[in-house]
Amino acid sequence: MDQADAATALVVREQRQIEVLGDQILAVQTVTGDIFIPFRLLCDLLGLSRPAQVRRIQRDDELRPDLQEITLTTPGGSQTIQALRVDVVPFWLAGVTVSKVKPELQDKIRAYRRWVVRKVYEAFLAELSEPPAVAGGETSPSATLAALIQVRDMGRAITQMAEAQMALEQRQGVTEARLDQAAGVVGDIRRRLLQVEARLDPHNIVTATEAATISAQVKALGLLLTERDPSKNHFGGIFSELYRRCGVTEYRSIRRDQYEEVLQFLADWRNRLLTAHRTGSQSP
């Protein structure tokens, strides 16, 4: 961190190690009474890319002012780091796509959304001494304690909002899954409806002349097959193959866009028979 950053960094009044959900976290309170957590530490604990998260915060007008430079006192001297105000941590984490995080850290991120604010403020409050007595036996809380109580209450409100956001995301996930399933069903129904419409639309099936042409081609092919094998009724076999290929129950229901394909199919079948016959007759 350069000298300009150090000059504008917030001054720390108190810093302490706090256990949050099994993690040791450094929490610092500035002279303004706000409490911050080192941002690099948060990202490391939650398996997030710090540069990517910094860029995301910088794009957010609401979060940007809460990512501050903090000057810490360390055994090696003063050190200036980036830190995030603790009461906005749930809002920041609400924008993290949990499904893109390592599976073993997803539940941890959800837990941090709910508990980090409360755990940090409770730790600060627990370590403060009892407020001094004043005249009349009443107690007067210190300015620090009063500020912390106020921030704690704010943190609890933020936690509740984060929980509501999480519940909303879960409902949205279920809704999206159901919509995807419904879209698949609707798509299947639509495809079937188009098939039915194609069969029922009188303008979409072959004309009487085209149907007669198909029938004549089938008869010609059937006679050729009968010459080869008089023991079978080949006409029924040819029509059955046409019905299977075209998805119909009679040749008059064949679609017009299938007409040329049907004629080509019958012609190819007939040509194969003629070719086989010529080849066989030339054989010694």
Protein backbone atom coordinates (compact mmCIF):
# COMPACT_ATOMS: atom_id res chain seq x y z
CA MET A 1 0.00 0.00 0.00
CA ASP A 2 1.47 3.39 -0.98
CA GLN A 3 1.83 6.44 1.26
CA ALA A 4 -1.25 8.15 -0.18
CA ASP A 5 -3.43 5.19 0.77
CA ALA A 6 -1.89 5.05 4.24
CA ALA A 7 -2.57 8.74 4.73
CA THR A 8 -6.29 8.35 3.97
CA ALA A 9 -6.72 5.06 5.85
CA LEU A 10 -9.05 4.91 8.84
CA VAL A 11 -7.43 4.91 12.26
CA VAL A 12 -8.01 1.83 14.41
CA ARG A 13 -9.02 2.28 18.03
CA GLU A 14 -9.19 -1.39 18.96
CA GLN A 15 -8.49 -4.71 17.29
CA ARG A 16 -9.05 -8.23 18.51
CA GLN A 17 -9.27 -11.86 17.39
CA ILE A 18 -12.82 -13.24 17.39
CA GLU A 19 -14.06 -16.75 16.74
CA VAL A 20 -16.81 -16.86 14.14
CA LEU A 21 -18.24 -20.28 13.28
CA GLY A 22 -14.93 -21.93 14.11
CA ASP A 23 -12.78 -19.37 12.24
CA GLN A 24 -10.40 -16.94 13.90
CA ILE A 25 -11.16 -13.50 12.50
CA LEU A 26 -9.44 -10.21 13.15
CA ALA A 27 -12.06 -7.52 13.84
CA VAL A 28 -11.05 -3.88 14.20
CA GLN A 29 -12.99 -0.92 15.53
CA THR A 30 -12.10 2.49 14.15
CA VAL A 31 -12.24 5.80 15.98
CA THR A 32 -15.64 6.37 14.35
CA GLY A 33 -17.04 3.33 16.20
CA ASP A 34 -17.47 1.20 13.05
CA ILE A 35 -16.17 -2.37 13.04
CA PHE A 36 -14.35 -3.80 10.02
CA ILE A 37 -13.02 -7.21 8.96
CA PRO A 38 -9.95 -7.59 6.69
CA PHE A 39 -11.35 -8.33 3.25
CA ARG A 40 -8.57 -10.64 2.12
CA LEU A 41 -9.18 -12.81 5.20
CA LEU A 42 -12.91 -13.04 4.46
CA CYS A 43 -12.29 -14.07 0.85
CA ASP A 44 -9.68 -16.66 1.87
CA LEU A 45 -11.96 -18.21 4.49
CA LEU A 46 -14.87 -18.47 2.04
CA GLY A 47 -12.91 -19.60 -1.00
CA LEU A 48 -13.61 -16.44 -3.03
CA SER A 49 -11.35 -14.57 -5.43
CA ARG A 50 -10.45 -11.29 -3.70
CA PRO A 51 -9.67 -9.30 -6.92
CA ALA A 52 -12.99 -10.39 -8.47
CA GLN A 53 -14.92 -9.50 -5.31
CA VAL A 54 -13.20 -6.12 -5.04
CA ARG A 55 -14.23 -5.35 -8.62
CA ARG A 56 -17.81 -6.37 -7.85
CA ILE A 57 -17.93 -4.13 -4.77
CA GLN A 58 -16.44 -1.21 -6.70
CA ARG A 59 -19.28 -1.53 -9.22
CA ASP A 60 -21.90 -1.38 -6.46
CA ASP A 61 -22.77 2.16 -5.34
CA GLU A 62 -24.17 0.85 -2.04
CA LEU A 63 -21.22 -1.35 -1.07
CA ARG A 64 -18.34 0.74 -2.41
CA PRO A 65 -18.14 3.20 0.54
CA ASP A 66 -17.93 0.30 3.02
CA LEU A 67 -14.70 -1.17 1.61
CA GLN A 68 -12.11 0.99 3.35
CA GLU A 69 -8.37 1.20 3.90
CA ILE A 70 -7.50 0.39 7.54
CA THR A 71 -4.14 0.95 9.24
CA LEU A 72 -3.25 -1.87 11.62
CA THR A 73 -0.53 -2.09 14.21
CA THR A 74 1.43 -5.31 13.78
CA PRO A 75 4.65 -6.65 15.37
CA GLY A 76 6.41 -5.62 12.20
CA GLY A 77 5.01 -2.09 12.24
CA SER A 78 1.99 -0.35 10.73
CA GLN A 79 0.23 -2.08 7.87
CA THR A 80 -2.58 -0.71 5.67
CA ILE A 81 -5.12 -3.21 4.38
CA GLN A 82 -8.56 -3.31 2.77
CA ALA A 83 -11.40 -4.08 5.17
CA LEU A 84 -15.16 -4.40 4.84
CA ARG A 85 -17.57 -2.95 7.39
CA VAL A 86 -19.02 -5.94 9.22
CA ASP A 87 -22.67 -4.96 9.06
CA VAL A 88 -22.66 -5.01 5.22
CA VAL A 89 -21.03 -8.44 4.99
CA PRO A 90 -24.45 -10.19 4.63
CA PHE A 91 -25.37 -7.84 1.77
CA TRP A 92 -22.06 -8.54 0.05
CA LEU A 93 -22.48 -12.31 0.48
CA ALA A 94 -26.08 -12.14 -0.78
CA GLY A 95 -24.62 -11.22 -4.18
CA VAL A 96 -22.33 -14.26 -4.28
CA THR A 97 -23.58 -17.08 -6.51
CA VAL A 98 -23.26 -19.93 -4.04
CA SER A 99 -23.57 -22.64 -6.70
CA LYS A 100 -20.29 -21.45 -8.27
CA VAL A 101 -18.36 -21.86 -5.02
CA LYS A 102 -16.66 -25.10 -4.00
CA PRO A 103 -19.34 -27.50 -2.67
CA GLU A 104 -17.60 -27.86 0.70
CA LEU A 105 -17.80 -24.07 1.26
CA GLN A 106 -21.39 -23.41 0.14
CA ASP A 107 -22.97 -24.07 3.54
CA LYS A 108 -20.27 -21.96 5.19
CA ILE A 109 -21.16 -18.95 3.04
CA ARG A 110 -24.84 -19.36 3.92
CA ALA A 111 -23.94 -19.54 7.62
CA TYR A 112 -21.77 -16.40 7.38
CA ARG A 113 -24.70 -14.52 5.86
CA ARG A 114 -26.73 -15.30 8.95
CA TRP A 115 -24.24 -15.15 11.82
CA VAL A 116 -21.12 -13.10 11.13
CA VAL A 117 -22.61 -9.74 12.17
CA ARG A 118 -24.14 -11.08 15.37
CA LYS A 119 -21.04 -13.05 16.38
CA VAL A 120 -18.69 -10.09 15.92
CA TYR A 121 -20.82 -7.60 17.86
CA GLU A 122 -21.59 -10.09 20.61
CA ALA A 123 -17.86 -10.65 21.07
CA PHE A 124 -17.22 -6.93 21.44
CA LEU A 125 -20.11 -6.47 23.84
CA ALA A 126 -19.17 -9.47 25.97
CA GLU A 127 -15.68 -8.14 26.60
CA LEU A 128 -16.77 -4.68 27.70
CA SER A 129 -16.87 -4.06 31.42
CA GLU A 130 -20.06 -3.19 33.27
CA PRO A 131 -21.09 0.48 32.88
CA PRO A 132 -20.10 2.69 35.80
CA ALA A 133 -22.63 3.65 38.49
CA VAL A 134 -23.84 7.26 38.75
CA ALA A 135 -25.72 9.19 41.39
CA GLY A 136 -28.96 7.60 42.45
CA GLY A 137 -27.71 4.07 41.82
CA GLU A 138 -28.43 4.20 38.09
CA THR A 139 -25.92 3.17 35.49
CA SER A 140 -24.76 5.19 32.54
CA PRO A 141 -23.41 3.19 29.61
CA SER A 142 -20.26 4.47 28.00
CA ALA A 143 -20.43 6.06 24.59
CA THR A 144 -18.62 3.05 23.17
CA LEU A 145 -21.10 0.58 24.65
CA ALA A 146 -24.07 2.64 23.52
CA ALA A 147 -22.67 2.79 20.01
CA LEU A 148 -22.05 -0.93 19.99
CA ILE A 149 -25.56 -1.69 21.22
CA GLN A 150 -26.97 0.45 18.47
CA VAL A 151 -24.79 -1.21 15.85
CA ARG A 152 -25.61 -4.65 17.25
CA ASP A 153 -29.32 -3.97 16.82
CA MET A 154 -28.65 -2.78 13.31
CA GLY A 155 -26.66 -5.93 12.65
CA ARG A 156 -29.51 -8.09 13.84
CA ALA A 157 -31.87 -6.28 11.48
CA ILE A 158 -29.41 -6.83 8.63
CA THR A 159 -29.14 -10.51 9.55
CA GLN A 160 -32.90 -10.84 9.36
CA MET A 161 -32.88 -9.18 5.94
CA ALA A 162 -30.14 -11.58 4.78
CA GLU A 163 -32.19 -14.55 5.99
CA ALA A 164 -35.20 -13.23 4.08
CA GLN A 165 -33.02 -12.84 0.99
CA MET A 166 -31.79 -16.43 1.35
CA ALA A 167 -35.35 -17.73 1.67
CA LEU A 168 -36.33 -15.73 -1.41
CA GLU A 169 -33.41 -17.20 -3.40
CA GLN A 170 -34.42 -20.71 -2.38
CA ARG A 171 -38.02 -20.10 -3.46
CA GLN A 172 -36.80 -18.65 -6.74
CA GLY A 173 -34.64 -21.72 -7.32
CA VAL A 174 -37.61 -24.04 -6.81
CA THR A 175 -39.79 -21.87 -9.02
CA GLU A 176 -37.19 -21.81 -11.81
CA ALA A 177 -36.86 -25.60 -11.68
CA ARG A 178 -40.63 -25.98 -11.93
CA LEU A 179 -40.79 -23.50 -14.81
CA ASP A 180 -38.07 -25.42 -16.69
CA GLN A 181 -40.04 -28.63 -16.20
CA ALA A 182 -43.26 -26.97 -17.32
CA ALA A 183 -41.50 -25.53 -20.38
CA GLY A 184 -40.41 -29.03 -21.36
CA VAL A 185 -43.96 -30.37 -21.02
CA VAL A 186 -45.40 -27.46 -23.01
CA GLY A 187 -42.79 -27.95 -25.72
CA ASP A 188 -43.69 -31.63 -26.02
CA ILE A 189 -47.40 -30.82 -26.20
CA ARG A 190 -46.72 -28.21 -28.86
CA ARG A 191 -44.78 -30.69 -30.99
CA ARG A 192 -47.58 -33.23 -30.73
CA LEU A 193 -50.17 -30.58 -31.55
CA LEU A 194 -48.28 -29.59 -34.68
CA GLN A 195 -48.25 -33.21 -35.77
CA VAL A 196 -51.99 -33.52 -35.22
CA GLU A 197 -52.64 -30.25 -37.06
CA ALA A 198 -50.51 -31.44 -39.94
CA ARG A 199 -52.62 -34.56 -40.22
CA LEU A 200 -55.97 -32.76 -39.86
CA ASP A 201 -55.26 -29.81 -42.14
CA PRO A 202 -56.81 -30.70 -45.53
CA HIS A 203 -54.44 -28.30 -47.27
CA ASN A 204 -51.40 -30.05 -45.84
CA ILE A 205 -52.06 -33.57 -47.19
CA VAL A 206 -51.58 -34.88 -50.69
CA THR A 207 -54.22 -34.08 -53.27
CA ALA A 208 -56.41 -36.74 -54.84
CA THR A 209 -54.16 -36.74 -57.91
CA GLU A 210 -51.01 -37.13 -55.82
CA ALA A 211 -52.63 -39.90 -53.78
CA ALA A 212 -53.54 -41.70 -57.03
CA THR A 213 -49.93 -41.40 -58.20
CA ILE A 214 -48.67 -42.93 -54.94
CA SER A 215 -51.20 -45.76 -55.25
CA ALA A 216 -50.15 -46.45 -58.85
CA GLN A 217 -46.46 -46.55 -57.86
CA VAL A 218 -47.25 -48.96 -55.00
CA LYS A 219 -49.21 -51.22 -57.37
CA ALA A 220 -46.39 -51.25 -59.92
CA LEU A 221 -43.87 -52.16 -57.24
CA GLY A 222 -46.25 -54.77 -55.80
CA LEU A 223 -46.70 -56.46 -59.19
CA LEU A 224 -42.94 -56.55 -59.67
CA LEU A 225 -42.48 -58.18 -56.25
CA THR A 226 -45.32 -60.62 -56.95
CA GLU A 227 -43.57 -61.73 -60.14
CA ARG A 228 -40.56 -62.59 -58.03
CA ASP A 229 -42.50 -64.25 -55.23
CA PRO A 230 -46.18 -65.06 -55.94
CA SER A 231 -46.60 -66.70 -52.52
CA LYS A 232 -46.96 -63.40 -50.67
CA ASN A 233 -49.24 -60.37 -50.73
CA HIS A 234 -46.60 -57.68 -51.27
CA PHE A 235 -49.02 -54.74 -51.59
CA GLY A 236 -49.81 -54.78 -47.87
CA GLY A 237 -46.11 -54.85 -47.00
CA ILE A 238 -45.36 -51.82 -49.17
CA PHE A 239 -48.21 -49.77 -47.70
CA SER A 240 -47.18 -50.74 -44.16
CA GLU A 241 -43.66 -49.46 -44.79
CA LEU A 242 -45.05 -46.18 -46.15
CA TYR A 243 -47.30 -45.74 -43.12
CA ARG A 244 -44.38 -46.36 -40.77
CA ARG A 245 -42.11 -43.88 -42.55
CA CYS A 246 -44.73 -41.14 -42.81
CA GLY A 247 -46.50 -41.66 -39.47
CA VAL A 248 -49.94 -42.15 -41.04
CA THR A 249 -52.58 -44.87 -41.17
CA GLU A 250 -53.48 -44.50 -44.88
CA TYR A 251 -51.65 -43.20 -47.92
CA ARG A 252 -54.22 -40.43 -48.51
CA SER A 253 -53.06 -38.82 -45.21
CA ILE A 254 -49.44 -38.45 -46.31
CA ARG A 255 -48.31 -34.83 -46.01
CA ARG A 256 -47.54 -32.86 -49.12
CA ASP A 257 -44.01 -32.16 -47.94
CA GLN A 258 -43.49 -35.95 -47.85
CA TYR A 259 -44.84 -36.54 -51.34
CA GLU A 260 -41.59 -36.30 -53.31
CA GLU A 261 -39.75 -38.33 -50.68
CA VAL A 262 -42.36 -41.13 -50.93
CA LEU A 263 -42.14 -41.27 -54.74
CA GLN A 264 -38.34 -41.38 -54.54
CA PHE A 265 -38.50 -44.17 -51.96
CA LEU A 266 -40.79 -46.27 -54.17
CA ALA A 267 -38.70 -45.57 -57.27
CA ASP A 268 -35.47 -46.54 -55.51
CA TRP A 269 -37.07 -49.79 -54.31
CA ARG A 270 -38.27 -50.60 -57.85
CA ASN A 271 -34.87 -49.76 -59.40
CA ARG A 272 -33.06 -52.02 -56.93
CA LEU A 273 -35.34 -54.91 -57.94
CA LEU A 274 -34.81 -54.28 -61.65
CA THR A 275 -31.06 -54.01 -61.21
CA ALA A 276 -30.98 -57.23 -59.23
CA HIS A 277 -33.08 -58.94 -61.91
CA ARG A 278 -30.78 -57.84 -64.76
CA THR A 279 -27.69 -58.84 -62.82
CA GLY A 280 -29.21 -62.22 -62.06
CA SER A 281 -30.24 -62.88 -65.69
CA GLN A 282 -26.72 -62.15 -66.95
CA SER A 283 -25.17 -64.55 -64.50
CA PRO A 284 -23.93 -67.86 -66.00
